[in-house]
């Protein structure tokens, strides 16, 4: 295994651990939101959790891949990471908009 690959896998694993923490914080923020927003955010959080599970599965696939077949799982992992990040940012924006309206 190359150093680059090992470093990338460790980076992905650390990022997924950070998402675990971010999701807990989002759940706490969502609990304080108004009913309509809370319901919409709960659905978004469930979607985020599913996307995180996909990313975790992609990480396992990437770790299991041989060196010669590593690029395809790496590309799938990049897609999963970006999808998770976009969904997370959308939910944060929704919560921030709700906080602004309640001020």
C-alpha atoms as a PDB file:
ATOM      1  CA  UNK A   1       0.000   0.000   0.000  1.00  0.00           C
ATOM      2  CA  UNK A   2       1.375   3.384  -0.903  1.00  0.00           C
ATOM      3  CA  UNK A   3       1.762   6.179   1.628  1.00  0.00           C
ATOM      4  CA  UNK A   4      -0.563   8.318  -0.448  1.00  0.00           C
ATOM      5  CA  UNK A   5      -3.298   5.699  -0.330  1.00  0.00           C
ATOM      6  CA  UNK A   6      -2.911   5.092   3.395  1.00  0.00           C
ATOM      7  CA  UNK A   7      -3.010   8.837   4.091  1.00  0.00           C
ATOM      8  CA  UNK A   8      -6.122   9.213   1.941  1.00  0.00           C
ATOM      9  CA  UNK A   9      -7.897   6.346   3.695  1.00  0.00           C
ATOM     10  CA  UNK A  10      -7.021   7.831   7.092  1.00  0.00           C
ATOM     11  CA  UNK A  11      -8.272  11.239   5.945  1.00  0.00           C
ATOM     12  CA  UNK A  12     -11.579   9.714   4.841  1.00  0.00           C
ATOM     13  CA  UNK A  13     -11.977   7.798   8.108  1.00  0.00           C
ATOM     14  CA  UNK A  14     -11.286  10.946  10.145  1.00  0.00           C
ATOM     15  CA  UNK A  15     -13.774  12.916   8.072  1.00  0.00           C
ATOM     16  CA  UNK A  16     -16.470  10.316   8.633  1.00  0.00           C
ATOM     17  CA  UNK A  17     -15.809  10.422  12.375  1.00  0.00           C
ATOM     18  CA  UNK A  18     -16.185  14.192  12.254  1.00  0.00           C
ATOM     19  CA  UNK A  19     -19.527  13.786  10.445  1.00  0.00           C
ATOM     20  CA  UNK A  20     -20.712  11.656  13.373  1.00  0.00           C
ATOM     21  CA  UNK A  21     -20.082  14.613  15.679  1.00  0.00           C
ATOM     22  CA  UNK A  22     -21.621  17.101  13.251  1.00  0.00           C
ATOM     23  CA  UNK A  23     -24.780  15.006  13.010  1.00  0.00           C
ATOM     24  CA  UNK A  24     -25.150  14.963  16.793  1.00  0.00           C
ATOM     25  CA  UNK A  25     -24.831  18.758  16.861  1.00  0.00           C
ATOM     26  CA  UNK A  26     -27.362  19.100  14.039  1.00  0.00           C
ATOM     27  CA  UNK A  27     -29.816  16.893  15.875  1.00  0.00           C
ATOM     28  CA  UNK A  28     -29.480  19.135  18.923  1.00  0.00           C
ATOM     29  CA  UNK A  29     -30.002  22.301  16.849  1.00  0.00           C
ATOM     30  CA  UNK A  30     -32.965  20.730  15.085  1.00  0.00           C
ATOM     31  CA  UNK A  31     -34.622  19.914  18.398  1.00  0.00           C
ATOM     32  CA  UNK A  32     -34.718  23.661  19.151  1.00  0.00           C
ATOM     33  CA  UNK A  33     -36.233  24.650  15.784  1.00  0.00           C
ATOM     34  CA  UNK A  34     -39.898  25.304  15.095  1.00  0.00           C
ATOM     35  CA  UNK A  35     -42.181  22.356  14.327  1.00  0.00           C
ATOM     36  CA  UNK A  36     -42.248  22.764  10.555  1.00  0.00           C
ATOM     37  CA  UNK A  37     -38.496  23.179  10.286  1.00  0.00           C
ATOM     38  CA  UNK A  38     -37.847  20.420  12.815  1.00  0.00           C
ATOM     39  CA  UNK A  39     -39.879  17.931  10.785  1.00  0.00           C
ATOM     40  CA  UNK A  40     -38.145  18.902   7.539  1.00  0.00           C
ATOM     41  CA  UNK A  41     -34.738  18.786   9.215  1.00  0.00           C
ATOM     42  CA  UNK A  42     -35.400  15.401  10.777  1.00  0.00           C
ATOM     43  CA  UNK A  43     -36.046  14.013   7.299  1.00  0.00           C
ATOM     44  CA  UNK A  44     -32.869  15.689   6.060  1.00  0.00           C
ATOM     45  CA  UNK A  45     -30.897  14.238   8.973  1.00  0.00           C
ATOM     46  CA  UNK A  46     -32.205  10.770   8.146  1.00  0.00           C
ATOM     47  CA  UNK A  47     -31.039  11.308   4.574  1.00  0.00           C
ATOM     48  CA  UNK A  48     -27.657  12.489   5.852  1.00  0.00           C
ATOM     49  CA  UNK A  49     -27.346   9.392   8.018  1.00  0.00           C
ATOM     50  CA  UNK A  50     -28.061   7.182   4.992  1.00  0.00           C
ATOM     51  CA  UNK A  51     -25.473   9.066   2.935  1.00  0.00           C
ATOM     52  CA  UNK A  52     -22.975   8.673   5.728  1.00  0.00           C
ATOM     53  CA  UNK A  53     -23.591   4.928   5.759  1.00  0.00           C
ATOM     54  CA  UNK A  54     -22.959   4.864   2.006  1.00  0.00           C
ATOM     55  CA  UNK A  55     -19.700   6.752   2.537  1.00  0.00           C
ATOM     56  CA  UNK A  56     -18.664   4.295   5.255  1.00  0.00           C
ATOM     57  CA  UNK A  57     -19.388   1.396   2.901  1.00  0.00           C
ATOM     58  CA  UNK A  58     -17.343   3.082   0.163  1.00  0.00           C
ATOM     59  CA  UNK A  59     -14.450   3.468   2.593  1.00  0.00           C
ATOM     60  CA  UNK A  60     -14.565  -0.240   3.396  1.00  0.00           C
ATOM     61  CA  UNK A  61     -14.656  -1.082  -0.321  1.00  0.00           C
ATOM     62  CA  UNK A  62     -11.719   1.199  -0.935  1.00  0.00           C
ATOM     63  CA  UNK A  63      -9.692  -0.341   1.895  1.00  0.00           C
ATOM     64  CA  UNK A  64     -10.435  -3.849   0.604  1.00  0.00           C
ATOM     65  CA  UNK A  65      -9.490  -3.076  -2.995  1.00  0.00           C
ATOM     66  CA  UNK A  66      -6.171  -4.211  -4.321  1.00  0.00           C
ATOM     67  CA  UNK A  67      -3.695  -1.570  -5.454  1.00  0.00           C
ATOM     68  CA  UNK A  68      -4.486  -2.193  -9.108  1.00  0.00           C
ATOM     69  CA  UNK A  69      -8.258  -1.762  -8.544  1.00  0.00           C
ATOM     70  CA  UNK A  70      -8.092   1.131  -6.096  1.00  0.00           C
ATOM     71  CA  UNK A  71      -9.108   3.998  -8.383  1.00  0.00           C
ATOM     72  CA  UNK A  72     -12.769   2.970  -8.859  1.00  0.00           C
ATOM     73  CA  UNK A  73     -13.533   2.696  -5.123  1.00  0.00           C
ATOM     74  CA  UNK A  74     -11.599   5.938  -4.573  1.00  0.00           C
ATOM     75  CA  UNK A  75     -13.795   7.715  -7.126  1.00  0.00           C
ATOM     76  CA  UNK A  76     -16.933   6.299  -5.475  1.00  0.00           C
ATOM     77  CA  UNK A  77     -15.638   7.517  -2.112  1.00  0.00           C
ATOM     78  CA  UNK A  78     -15.064  11.016  -3.494  1.00  0.00           C
ATOM     79  CA  UNK A  79     -18.629  11.078  -4.806  1.00  0.00           C
ATOM     80  CA  UNK A  80     -20.027   9.905  -1.464  1.00  0.00           C
ATOM     81  CA  UNK A  81     -17.985  12.522   0.442  1.00  0.00           C
ATOM     82  CA  UNK A  82     -19.157  15.335  -1.824  1.00  0.00           C
ATOM     83  CA  UNK A  83     -22.787  14.205  -1.630  1.00  0.00           C
ATOM     84  CA  UNK A  84     -22.597  14.142   2.158  1.00  0.00           C
ATOM     85  CA  UNK A  85     -20.962  17.576   2.304  1.00  0.00           C
ATOM     86  CA  UNK A  86     -23.558  19.165  -0.013  1.00  0.00           C
ATOM     87  CA  UNK A  87     -26.462  17.697   1.953  1.00  0.00           C
ATOM     88  CA  UNK A  88     -24.935  18.811   5.228  1.00  0.00           C
ATOM     89  CA  UNK A  89     -24.419  22.380   4.004  1.00  0.00           C
ATOM     90  CA  UNK A  90     -28.022  22.537   2.784  1.00  0.00           C
ATOM     91  CA  UNK A  91     -29.342  21.480   6.161  1.00  0.00           C
ATOM     92  CA  UNK A  92     -27.118  23.951   8.003  1.00  0.00           C
ATOM     93  CA  UNK A  93     -28.364  26.738   5.722  1.00  0.00           C
ATOM     94  CA  UNK A  94     -31.956  25.750   6.464  1.00  0.00           C
ATOM     95  CA  UNK A  95     -31.305  25.880  10.207  1.00  0.00           C
ATOM     96  CA  UNK A  96     -29.508  29.220   9.952  1.00  0.00           C
ATOM     97  CA  UNK A  97     -32.411  30.686   7.993  1.00  0.00           C
ATOM     98  CA  UNK A  98     -34.793  29.511  10.699  1.00  0.00           C
ATOM     99  CA  UNK A  99     -32.641  31.107  13.408  1.00  0.00           C
ATOM    100  CA  UNK A 100     -32.634  34.410  11.562  1.00  0.00           C
ATOM    101  CA  UNK A 101     -36.440  34.384  11.257  1.00  0.00           C
ATOM    102  CA  UNK A 102     -36.832  33.686  14.971  1.00  0.00           C
ATOM    103  CA  UNK A 103     -34.654  36.642  16.057  1.00  0.00           C
END
